[in-house]
Amino acid sequence: MNAWITNTKYIIVGLFLVSSLAATAYQWWYVWPVQKCDRAGAWWDAADHQCLTPMPIWRITGRMPTPGAPGSAAAKAAPAAKAK
């Protein structure tokens, strides 16, 4: 009976260590890189496991954004100025 209790104790401690290491490995491989990428203000690509910097569309097309365009900063500030 004593050997059975000792063996069970070792199995439980072993399972605890393996599960703790698995949880730490998961955090290290999947969670911490995503959090680091988010803090940097970049985009996380889960399919390729990469932290990518967003590129504005005007860099690809070569067309600079116009000040009165619907998505520009001036267009967003205009309604706030009109409300005053």
Protein backbone atom coordinates (compact mmCIF):
# COMPACT_ATOMS: atom_id res chain seq x y z
CA MET A 1 0.00 0.00 0.00
CA ASN A 2 2.87 2.37 0.79
CA ALA A 3 4.46 1.89 -2.63
CA TRP A 4 1.12 2.59 -4.31
CA ILE A 5 0.81 5.94 -2.48
CA THR A 6 4.40 6.87 -3.34
CA ASN A 7 3.93 6.01 -7.01
CA THR A 8 0.67 7.96 -7.16
CA LYS A 9 2.38 10.95 -5.57
CA TYR A 10 5.14 10.87 -8.20
CA ILE A 11 2.61 10.59 -11.01
CA ILE A 12 0.60 13.57 -9.72
CA VAL A 13 3.73 15.70 -9.25
CA GLY A 14 4.93 14.68 -12.72
CA LEU A 15 1.59 15.59 -14.32
CA PHE A 16 1.65 18.92 -12.49
CA LEU A 17 5.16 19.70 -13.77
CA VAL A 18 4.31 18.68 -17.34
CA SER A 19 1.12 20.75 -17.37
CA SER A 20 2.95 23.74 -15.87
CA LEU A 21 5.66 23.52 -18.51
CA ALA A 22 3.04 23.15 -21.24
CA ALA A 23 1.17 26.25 -20.03
CA THR A 24 4.42 28.25 -19.87
CA ALA A 25 5.44 27.08 -23.34
CA TYR A 26 2.04 28.07 -24.72
CA GLN A 27 2.36 31.55 -23.17
CA TRP A 28 5.92 31.90 -24.49
CA TRP A 29 5.11 30.74 -28.02
CA TYR A 30 1.61 32.15 -28.65
CA VAL A 31 0.50 34.76 -26.09
CA TRP A 32 3.58 36.87 -25.30
CA PRO A 33 4.51 37.60 -28.96
CA VAL A 34 0.94 38.79 -29.65
CA GLN A 35 1.00 41.08 -26.62
CA LYS A 36 4.41 42.46 -27.60
CA CYS A 37 3.17 43.13 -31.13
CA ASP A 38 0.03 44.86 -29.84
CA ARG A 39 2.09 47.09 -27.55
CA ALA A 40 4.25 48.09 -30.54
CA GLY A 41 1.11 49.12 -32.46
CA ALA A 42 1.64 46.58 -35.22
CA TRP A 43 -0.60 43.83 -36.59
CA TRP A 44 -0.28 40.19 -35.59
CA ASP A 45 -0.58 37.62 -38.38
CA ALA A 46 -1.62 34.38 -36.67
CA ALA A 47 -1.36 32.30 -39.84
CA ASP A 48 2.33 33.06 -40.35
CA HIS A 49 3.14 33.87 -36.70
CA GLN A 50 4.59 37.28 -37.61
CA CYS A 51 4.35 40.83 -36.32
CA LEU A 52 3.76 43.11 -39.29
CA THR A 53 3.81 46.88 -39.60
CA PRO A 54 0.67 48.30 -41.24
CA MET A 55 1.27 50.21 -44.47
CA PRO A 56 -1.08 52.96 -45.59
CA ILE A 57 -2.70 52.41 -48.99
CA TRP A 58 -1.28 55.65 -50.39
CA ARG A 59 2.22 54.17 -50.22
CA ILE A 60 1.15 51.39 -52.57
CA THR A 61 -0.92 53.49 -54.97
CA GLY A 62 1.21 56.64 -54.85
CA ARG A 63 -1.89 58.84 -54.41
CA MET A 64 -1.58 61.14 -51.41
CA PRO A 65 -4.70 61.54 -49.26
CA THR A 66 -6.61 64.76 -49.86
CA PRO A 67 -7.45 66.97 -46.87
CA GLY A 68 -11.23 66.83 -47.44
CA ALA A 69 -11.43 63.10 -48.11
CA PRO A 70 -13.92 61.12 -45.95
CA GLY A 71 -11.21 59.19 -44.10
CA SER A 72 -8.77 62.05 -43.53
CA ALA A 73 -8.01 63.69 -40.19
CA ALA A 74 -9.35 67.05 -41.41
CA ALA A 75 -12.72 65.48 -42.31
CA LYS A 76 -12.95 63.86 -38.87
CA ALA A 77 -12.15 67.14 -37.10
CA ALA A 78 -14.63 69.18 -39.17
CA PRO A 79 -17.83 67.84 -37.50
CA ALA A 80 -16.35 68.56 -34.08
CA ALA A 81 -15.56 72.14 -35.10
CA LYS A 82 -19.07 72.66 -36.52
CA ALA A 83 -20.68 71.43 -33.29
CA LYS A 84 -19.12 74.26 -31.28
